[in-house]
Amino acid sequence: SRAVYYCAQNGNDACATSTNGGLTFGAPVLVGGACGSLHGHVKVGPDGTAYLPNAHCGGKAGGGITTNNGSTWTSYTIPGSSEPATGFDPSVAITPDNTVYESWQGADNHSYVAKSTNHGATWSTPVDIGASLGVVNSTFQAATAGDNGRVAVAYLGSTTPGNPFASAWNGVWDLYVSYTYDGGTTWTTVKATTDPVQRGWMCADGTTCNSGRNLLDFMDANTTTDGRVVVGYADGCVAACALPG
């Protein structure tokens, strides 16, 4: 059968499943295990395994997982990962061979990726995918998969050190995309924007923000049928803001 999932957080993470294309849903099922609070976007692998990425899994990145169409949910954690003090949700992408890749913002705000070939039971060593271009702050990770071994991760990043979620920070944000063509052994990173998408700090307090909120809340990335990576992102820096300096 084909399952449709709707996941939300209200103190605890919970997911409801529909088996009729979203016409009706069963009762929400709590996501058990180490993860809780805000979560990322649920995605489903070719074999029907669903993943709910989460940065808040006992101090590590991880997520919820179901292998039985949402009847029960457990969770996994990624060894060597860390939880950011402030920021936004991780993202997962699954290749046709059911390898799951997760990308997240670490405690140091760098952008990391790890992969699992056994439904989250074990994970590869996390890789800092923005390091080659000096990216020291990142958020809004959005992962997308193509053929086996081919994955891209889009994110907003900055080469300006310091805490980008504090109002005194005066750095510059750009859109970056990191690609792997060999299953995560190597990554190639490009700065996809030619002028900034934001100057200055980013408020991560949702609707209570009074400033620092030009970038809204999330991005998305997808892969077209001919293998192109398409990214939807907010550009909060236009007109004079986009000029050099």
C-alpha atoms as a PDB file:
ATOM      1  CA  SER A   1       0.000   0.000   0.000  1.00  0.00           C
ATOM      2  CA  ARG A   2       1.014   3.643  -0.366  1.00  0.00           C
ATOM      3  CA  ALA A   3       1.196   5.656   2.832  1.00  0.00           C
ATOM      4  CA  VAL A   4       0.913   9.413   3.297  1.00  0.00           C
ATOM      5  CA  TYR A   5       2.406  10.827   6.504  1.00  0.00           C
ATOM      6  CA  TYR A   6       1.574  13.997   8.400  1.00  0.00           C
ATOM      7  CA  CYS A   7       3.937  14.755  11.279  1.00  0.00           C
ATOM      8  CA  ALA A   8       3.766  17.590  13.798  1.00  0.00           C
ATOM      9  CA  GLN A   9       5.112  18.557  17.199  1.00  0.00           C
ATOM     10  CA  ASN A  10       3.097  19.583  20.225  1.00  0.00           C
ATOM     11  CA  GLY A  11       5.387  18.849  23.130  1.00  0.00           C
ATOM     12  CA  ASN A  12       6.030  15.416  21.608  1.00  0.00           C
ATOM     13  CA  ASP A  13       6.549  14.461  17.980  1.00  0.00           C
ATOM     14  CA  ALA A  14       3.716  12.450  16.459  1.00  0.00           C
ATOM     15  CA  CYS A  15       2.829  11.221  12.962  1.00  0.00           C
ATOM     16  CA  ALA A  16      -0.500  10.202  11.445  1.00  0.00           C
ATOM     17  CA  THR A  17      -0.765   7.867   8.443  1.00  0.00           C
ATOM     18  CA  SER A  18      -3.233   7.794   5.568  1.00  0.00           C
ATOM     19  CA  THR A  19      -3.580   4.742   3.299  1.00  0.00           C
ATOM     20  CA  ASN A  20      -6.107   6.341   0.925  1.00  0.00           C
ATOM     21  CA  GLY A  21      -4.112   9.221  -0.484  1.00  0.00           C
ATOM     22  CA  GLY A  22      -4.805  11.626   2.348  1.00  0.00           C
ATOM     23  CA  LEU A  23      -8.612  11.396   2.380  1.00  0.00           C
ATOM     24  CA  THR A  24      -8.575  10.149   5.963  1.00  0.00           C
ATOM     25  CA  PHE A  25      -5.845   9.694   8.568  1.00  0.00           C
ATOM     26  CA  GLY A  26      -5.450   7.351  11.498  1.00  0.00           C
ATOM     27  CA  ALA A  27      -4.768   8.546  15.018  1.00  0.00           C
ATOM     28  CA  PRO A  28      -1.381  10.234  15.538  1.00  0.00           C
ATOM     29  CA  VAL A  29       1.330   7.878  16.799  1.00  0.00           C
ATOM     30  CA  LEU A  30       4.030   9.204  19.131  1.00  0.00           C
ATOM     31  CA  VAL A  31       7.613   8.998  17.904  1.00  0.00           C
ATOM     32  CA  GLY A  32       9.339   7.020  20.637  1.00  0.00           C
ATOM     33  CA  GLY A  33      12.976   7.123  21.641  1.00  0.00           C
ATOM     34  CA  ALA A  34      15.499   9.885  22.171  1.00  0.00           C
ATOM     35  CA  CYS A  35      14.167  12.582  19.810  1.00  0.00           C
ATOM     36  CA  GLY A  36      11.695  15.349  20.576  1.00  0.00           C
ATOM     37  CA  SER A  37      10.798  18.984  19.989  1.00  0.00           C
ATOM     38  CA  LEU A  38      11.028  20.589  16.535  1.00  0.00           C
ATOM     39  CA  HIS A  39      11.624  18.194  13.631  1.00  0.00           C
ATOM     40  CA  GLY A  40      12.356  18.406   9.911  1.00  0.00           C
ATOM     41  CA  HIS A  41      10.371  17.239   6.893  1.00  0.00           C
ATOM     42  CA  VAL A  42       9.340  13.575   6.768  1.00  0.00           C
ATOM     43  CA  LYS A  43      10.617  11.631   3.729  1.00  0.00           C
ATOM     44  CA  VAL A  44       9.986   8.074   2.569  1.00  0.00           C
ATOM     45  CA  GLY A  45      12.499   5.688   1.003  1.00  0.00           C
ATOM     46  CA  PRO A  46      11.800   3.332  -1.936  1.00  0.00           C
ATOM     47  CA  ASP A  47      11.245   0.392   0.449  1.00  0.00           C
ATOM     48  CA  GLY A  48       8.621   2.339   2.437  1.00  0.00           C
ATOM     49  CA  THR A  49      10.788   3.295   5.405  1.00  0.00           C
ATOM     50  CA  ALA A  50       9.905   6.801   6.581  1.00  0.00           C
ATOM     51  CA  TYR A  51      12.375   9.146   8.282  1.00  0.00           C
ATOM     52  CA  LEU A  52      11.654  12.226  10.415  1.00  0.00           C
ATOM     53  CA  PRO A  53      14.944  14.131  10.924  1.00  0.00           C
ATOM     54  CA  ASN A  54      15.486  15.884  14.234  1.00  0.00           C
ATOM     55  CA  ALA A  55      18.338  17.928  15.716  1.00  0.00           C
ATOM     56  CA  HIS A  56      17.210  17.269  19.289  1.00  0.00           C
ATOM     57  CA  CYS A  57      17.974  13.635  20.111  1.00  0.00           C
ATOM     58  CA  GLY A  58      19.657  13.718  23.492  1.00  0.00           C
ATOM     59  CA  GLY A  59      22.298  16.190  22.344  1.00  0.00           C
ATOM     60  CA  LYS A  60      22.800  14.561  18.938  1.00  0.00           C
ATOM     61  CA  ALA A  61      21.272  14.742  15.465  1.00  0.00           C
ATOM     62  CA  GLY A  62      19.013  11.861  14.531  1.00  0.00           C
ATOM     63  CA  GLY A  63      15.354  11.314  13.860  1.00  0.00           C
ATOM     64  CA  GLY A  64      12.268   9.180  13.989  1.00  0.00           C
ATOM     65  CA  ILE A  65      11.801   6.087  11.827  1.00  0.00           C
ATOM     66  CA  THR A  66       8.994   3.698  10.905  1.00  0.00           C
ATOM     67  CA  THR A  67       9.238   0.501   8.889  1.00  0.00           C
ATOM     68  CA  ASN A  68       5.580  -0.525   9.217  1.00  0.00           C
ATOM     69  CA  ASN A  69       3.613   2.319   7.608  1.00  0.00           C
ATOM     70  CA  GLY A  70       3.478   4.370  10.775  1.00  0.00           C
ATOM     71  CA  SER A  71       2.021   1.748  13.125  1.00  0.00           C
ATOM     72  CA  THR A  72       4.998   2.356  15.400  1.00  0.00           C
ATOM     73  CA  TRP A  73       7.810   4.915  15.372  1.00  0.00           C
ATOM     74  CA  THR A  74      11.216   4.597  17.016  1.00  0.00           C
ATOM     75  CA  SER A  75      14.251   6.856  16.761  1.00  0.00           C
ATOM     76  CA  TYR A  76      17.928   6.791  15.838  1.00  0.00           C
ATOM     77  CA  THR A  77      20.896   8.994  16.699  1.00  0.00           C
ATOM     78  CA  ILE A  78      24.037   9.758  14.678  1.00  0.00           C
ATOM     79  CA  PRO A  79      27.310   9.083  16.552  1.00  0.00           C
ATOM     80  CA  GLY A  80      29.737  11.985  16.370  1.00  0.00           C
ATOM     81  CA  SER A  81      26.952  14.513  15.753  1.00  0.00           C
ATOM     82  CA  SER A  82      25.935  17.391  18.013  1.00  0.00           C
ATOM     83  CA  GLU A  83      22.913  19.568  18.683  1.00  0.00           C
ATOM     84  CA  PRO A  84      22.965  23.292  17.837  1.00  0.00           C
ATOM     85  CA  ALA A  85      22.115  25.774  20.562  1.00  0.00           C
ATOM     86  CA  THR A  86      20.024  27.775  18.068  1.00  0.00           C
ATOM     87  CA  GLY A  87      18.991  27.089  14.502  1.00  0.00           C
ATOM     88  CA  PHE A  88      16.745  25.027  12.301  1.00  0.00           C
ATOM     89  CA  ASP A  89      15.916  21.462  11.344  1.00  0.00           C
ATOM     90  CA  PRO A  90      18.003  18.745   9.661  1.00  0.00           C
ATOM     91  CA  SER A  91      17.067  17.183   6.328  1.00  0.00           C
ATOM     92  CA  VAL A  92      17.203  13.645   4.892  1.00  0.00           C
ATOM     93  CA  ALA A  93      17.430  12.242   1.370  1.00  0.00           C
ATOM     94  CA  ILE A  94      17.164   8.587   0.331  1.00  0.00           C
ATOM     95  CA  THR A  95      18.750   7.086  -2.801  1.00  0.00           C
ATOM     96  CA  PRO A  96      17.154   4.200  -4.800  1.00  0.00           C
ATOM     97  CA  ASP A  97      19.235   1.616  -2.881  1.00  0.00           C
ATOM     98  CA  ASN A  98      17.614   2.845   0.376  1.00  0.00           C
ATOM     99  CA  THR A  99      20.755   4.567   1.663  1.00  0.00           C
ATOM    100  CA  VAL A 100      19.654   7.503   3.812  1.00  0.00           C
ATOM    101  CA  TYR A 101      21.747  10.673   4.029  1.00  0.00           C
ATOM    102  CA  GLU A 102      21.109  13.205   6.797  1.00  0.00           C
ATOM    103  CA  SER A 103      22.418  16.761   6.878  1.00  0.00           C
ATOM    104  CA  TRP A 104      22.318  18.991   9.938  1.00  0.00           C
ATOM    105  CA  GLN A 105      23.718  22.093  11.603  1.00  0.00           C
ATOM    106  CA  GLY A 106      26.108  21.072  14.375  1.00  0.00           C
ATOM    107  CA  ALA A 107      26.763  22.702  17.715  1.00  0.00           C
ATOM    108  CA  ASP A 108      29.497  24.738  16.001  1.00  0.00           C
ATOM    109  CA  ASN A 109      26.938  25.764  13.308  1.00  0.00           C
ATOM    110  CA  HIS A 110      28.940  23.984  10.583  1.00  0.00           C
ATOM    111  CA  SER A 111      27.042  21.904   7.995  1.00  0.00           C
ATOM    112  CA  TYR A 112      27.447  18.126   8.370  1.00  0.00           C
ATOM    113  CA  VAL A 113      26.339  14.990   6.516  1.00  0.00           C
ATOM    114  CA  ALA A 114      26.372  11.296   7.421  1.00  0.00           C
ATOM    115  CA  LYS A 115      24.813   8.250   5.756  1.00  0.00           C
ATOM    116  CA  SER A 116      23.311   4.940   6.823  1.00  0.00           C
ATOM    117  CA  THR A 117      22.865   1.817   4.689  1.00  0.00           C
ATOM    118  CA  ASN A 118      20.900  -0.089   7.331  1.00  0.00           C
ATOM    119  CA  HIS A 119      17.938   2.127   8.232  1.00  0.00           C
ATOM    120  CA  GLY A 120      19.759   4.194  10.825  1.00  0.00           C
ATOM    121  CA  ALA A 121      21.287   1.315  12.806  1.00  0.00           C
ATOM    122  CA  THR A 122      24.820   2.552  12.062  1.00  0.00           C
ATOM    123  CA  TRP A 123      26.146   5.740  10.466  1.00  0.00           C
ATOM    124  CA  SER A 124      29.228   6.913   8.638  1.00  0.00           C
ATOM    125  CA  THR A 125      31.541   9.473  10.240  1.00  0.00           C
ATOM    126  CA  PRO A 126      30.038  12.975   9.858  1.00  0.00           C
ATOM    127  CA  VAL A 127      31.632  15.159   7.169  1.00  0.00           C
ATOM    128  CA  ASP A 128      31.859  18.968   7.330  1.00  0.00           C
ATOM    129  CA  ILE A 129      30.674  19.731   3.788  1.00  0.00           C
ATOM    130  CA  GLY A 130      31.265  23.497   3.855  1.00  0.00           C
ATOM    131  CA  ALA A 131      34.812  23.427   5.178  1.00  0.00           C
ATOM    132  CA  SER A 132      36.459  23.595   1.732  1.00  0.00           C
ATOM    133  CA  LEU A 133      34.994  27.086   1.190  1.00  0.00           C
ATOM    134  CA  GLY A 134      35.492  28.265   4.752  1.00  0.00           C
ATOM    135  CA  VAL A 135      31.810  28.084   5.760  1.00  0.00           C
ATOM    136  CA  VAL A 136      31.721  28.412   9.558  1.00  0.00           C
ATOM    137  CA  ASN A 137      28.018  29.142  10.024  1.00  0.00           C
ATOM    138  CA  SER A 138      25.103  27.392   8.324  1.00  0.00           C
ATOM    139  CA  THR A 139      21.425  26.629   8.645  1.00  0.00           C
ATOM    140  CA  PHE A 140      18.331  25.599   6.612  1.00  0.00           C
ATOM    141  CA  GLN A 141      19.882  22.352   5.328  1.00  0.00           C
ATOM    142  CA  ALA A 142      17.836  20.818   2.464  1.00  0.00           C
ATOM    143  CA  ALA A 143      18.953  17.443   1.073  1.00  0.00           C
ATOM    144  CA  THR A 144      17.890  15.784  -2.183  1.00  0.00           C
ATOM    145  CA  ALA A 145      18.914  12.512  -3.825  1.00  0.00           C
ATOM    146  CA  GLY A 146      19.449  11.307  -7.387  1.00  0.00           C
ATOM    147  CA  ASP A 147      20.874   7.945  -8.457  1.00  0.00           C
ATOM    148  CA  ASN A 148      22.725   5.717  -6.006  1.00  0.00           C
ATOM    149  CA  GLY A 149      25.650   7.597  -4.498  1.00  0.00           C
ATOM    150  CA  ARG A 150      24.437  10.980  -5.768  1.00  0.00           C
ATOM    151  CA  VAL A 151      23.168  13.487  -3.230  1.00  0.00           C
ATOM    152  CA  ALA A 152      23.071  17.274  -2.925  1.00  0.00           C
ATOM    153  CA  VAL A 153      22.614  19.439   0.162  1.00  0.00           C
ATOM    154  CA  ALA A 154      21.622  23.109  -0.096  1.00  0.00           C
ATOM    155  CA  TYR A 155      22.014  25.448   2.864  1.00  0.00           C
ATOM    156  CA  LEU A 156      22.534  29.061   3.798  1.00  0.00           C
ATOM    157  CA  GLY A 157      26.104  29.620   4.922  1.00  0.00           C
ATOM    158  CA  SER A 158      28.532  32.301   5.999  1.00  0.00           C
ATOM    159  CA  THR A 159      32.304  32.595   6.269  1.00  0.00           C
ATOM    160  CA  THR A 160      31.919  35.163   9.071  1.00  0.00           C
ATOM    161  CA  PRO A 161      32.675  33.697  12.527  1.00  0.00           C
ATOM    162  CA  GLY A 162      30.701  34.390  15.665  1.00  0.00           C
ATOM    163  CA  ASN A 163      27.121  33.649  16.668  1.00  0.00           C
ATOM    164  CA  PRO A 164      24.887  34.408  13.658  1.00  0.00           C
ATOM    165  CA  PHE A 165      21.746  34.157  15.797  1.00  0.00           C
ATOM    166  CA  ALA A 166      22.802  37.069  18.039  1.00  0.00           C
ATOM    167  CA  SER A 167      21.792  40.602  17.050  1.00  0.00           C
ATOM    168  CA  ALA A 168      25.378  41.916  17.253  1.00  0.00           C
ATOM    169  CA  TRP A 169      26.567  39.617  14.418  1.00  0.00           C
ATOM    170  CA  ASN A 170      27.305  41.487  11.167  1.00  0.00           C
ATOM    171  CA  GLY A 171      28.125  38.698   8.748  1.00  0.00           C
ATOM    172  CA  VAL A 172      26.904  37.876   5.251  1.00  0.00           C
ATOM    173  CA  TRP A 173      24.767  34.873   4.206  1.00  0.00           C
ATOM    174  CA  ASP A 174      24.929  33.135   0.812  1.00  0.00           C
ATOM    175  CA  LEU A 175      23.337  30.039  -0.684  1.00  0.00           C
ATOM    176  CA  TYR A 176      25.702  27.052  -0.864  1.00  0.00           C
ATOM    177  CA  VAL A 177      25.144  23.633  -2.439  1.00  0.00           C
ATOM    178  CA  SER A 178      27.338  20.606  -1.723  1.00  0.00           C
ATOM    179  CA  TYR A 179      27.337  17.570  -4.033  1.00  0.00           C
ATOM    180  CA  THR A 180      28.596  13.996  -3.775  1.00  0.00           C
ATOM    181  CA  TYR A 181      28.807  11.590  -6.703  1.00  0.00           C
ATOM    182  CA  ASP A 182      30.544   8.761  -4.837  1.00  0.00           C
ATOM    183  CA  GLY A 183      28.261   8.021  -1.903  1.00  0.00           C
ATOM    184  CA  GLY A 184      29.686  10.664   0.382  1.00  0.00           C
ATOM    185  CA  THR A 185      33.369   9.765   0.076  1.00  0.00           C
ATOM    186  CA  THR A 186      34.047  13.216  -1.388  1.00  0.00           C
ATOM    187  CA  TRP A 187      31.969  16.395  -1.540  1.00  0.00           C
ATOM    188  CA  THR A 188      32.146  19.357  -3.922  1.00  0.00           C
ATOM    189  CA  THR A 189      30.747  22.647  -2.625  1.00  0.00           C
ATOM    190  CA  VAL A 190      29.761  25.719  -4.639  1.00  0.00           C
ATOM    191  CA  LYS A 191      28.554  29.172  -3.608  1.00  0.00           C
ATOM    192  CA  ALA A 192      25.415  29.335  -5.718  1.00  0.00           C
ATOM    193  CA  THR A 193      24.600  33.029  -5.231  1.00  0.00           C
ATOM    194  CA  THR A 194      26.579  35.951  -6.636  1.00  0.00           C
ATOM    195  CA  ASP A 195      25.306  38.472  -4.101  1.00  0.00           C
ATOM    196  CA  PRO A 196      24.194  37.913  -0.475  1.00  0.00           C
ATOM    197  CA  VAL A 197      20.774  36.595   0.465  1.00  0.00           C
ATOM    198  CA  GLN A 198      21.051  38.335   3.840  1.00  0.00           C
ATOM    199  CA  ARG A 199      23.346  40.688   5.741  1.00  0.00           C
ATOM    200  CA  GLY A 200      23.361  40.510   9.503  1.00  0.00           C
ATOM    201  CA  TRP A 201      21.997  38.187  12.127  1.00  0.00           C
ATOM    202  CA  MET A 202      19.153  35.712  11.775  1.00  0.00           C
ATOM    203  CA  CYS A 203      16.410  35.575  14.402  1.00  0.00           C
ATOM    204  CA  ALA A 204      15.451  31.960  15.174  1.00  0.00           C
ATOM    205  CA  ASP A 205      12.517  32.718  17.488  1.00  0.00           C
ATOM    206  CA  GLY A 206       9.724  32.329  14.952  1.00  0.00           C
ATOM    207  CA  THR A 207       6.749  34.645  15.138  1.00  0.00           C
ATOM    208  CA  THR A 208       8.149  36.428  18.201  1.00  0.00           C
ATOM    209  CA  CYS A 209      10.981  37.954  16.116  1.00  0.00           C
ATOM    210  CA  ASN A 210      10.834  41.724  15.658  1.00  0.00           C
ATOM    211  CA  SER A 211      13.863  41.896  13.326  1.00  0.00           C
ATOM    212  CA  GLY A 212      16.442  39.649  11.685  1.00  0.00           C
ATOM    213  CA  ARG A 213      13.714  37.700   9.938  1.00  0.00           C
ATOM    214  CA  ASN A 214      14.107  38.459   6.207  1.00  0.00           C
ATOM    215  CA  LEU A 215      14.882  34.827   5.386  1.00  0.00           C
ATOM    216  CA  LEU A 216      11.616  33.338   6.658  1.00  0.00           C
ATOM    217  CA  ASP A 217      11.863  29.772   7.942  1.00  0.00           C
ATOM    218  CA  PHE A 218      12.870  26.992   5.537  1.00  0.00           C
ATOM    219  CA  MET A 219      14.217  26.106   2.104  1.00  0.00           C
ATOM    220  CA  ASP A 220      13.634  23.120  -0.145  1.00  0.00           C
ATOM    221  CA  ALA A 221      15.694  21.219  -2.688  1.00  0.00           C
ATOM    222  CA  ASN A 222      14.627  18.637  -5.247  1.00  0.00           C
ATOM    223  CA  THR A 223      16.034  16.690  -8.190  1.00  0.00           C
ATOM    224  CA  THR A 224      14.438  16.928 -11.635  1.00  0.00           C
ATOM    225  CA  THR A 225      13.938  13.932 -13.906  1.00  0.00           C
ATOM    226  CA  ASP A 226      17.026  14.901 -15.934  1.00  0.00           C
ATOM    227  CA  GLY A 227      19.215  15.060 -12.819  1.00  0.00           C
ATOM    228  CA  ARG A 228      19.332  18.781 -12.102  1.00  0.00           C
ATOM    229  CA  VAL A 229      19.265  20.064  -8.529  1.00  0.00           C
ATOM    230  CA  VAL A 230      16.642  22.777  -7.985  1.00  0.00           C
ATOM    231  CA  VAL A 231      16.653  24.864  -4.812  1.00  0.00           C
ATOM    232  CA  GLY A 232      13.912  27.169  -3.525  1.00  0.00           C
ATOM    233  CA  TYR A 233      15.243  29.771  -1.087  1.00  0.00           C
ATOM    234  CA  ALA A 234      14.417  33.224   0.252  1.00  0.00           C
ATOM    235  CA  ASP A 235      16.531  36.204  -0.881  1.00  0.00           C
ATOM    236  CA  GLY A 236      16.174  38.858   1.805  1.00  0.00           C
ATOM    237  CA  CYS A 237      18.922  41.075   0.389  1.00  0.00           C
ATOM    238  CA  VAL A 238      17.869  43.142  -2.619  1.00  0.00           C
ATOM    239  CA  ALA A 239      18.469  46.636  -4.057  1.00  0.00           C
ATOM    240  CA  ALA A 240      21.191  48.491  -2.116  1.00  0.00           C
ATOM    241  CA  CYS A 241      21.711  45.521   0.199  1.00  0.00           C
ATOM    242  CA  ALA A 242      22.952  43.413  -2.731  1.00  0.00           C
ATOM    243  CA  LEU A 243      25.586  45.893  -3.901  1.00  0.00           C
ATOM    244  CA  PRO A 244      29.287  45.194  -3.215  1.00  0.00           C
ATOM    245  CA  GLY A 245      30.346  46.006   0.324  1.00  0.00           C
END
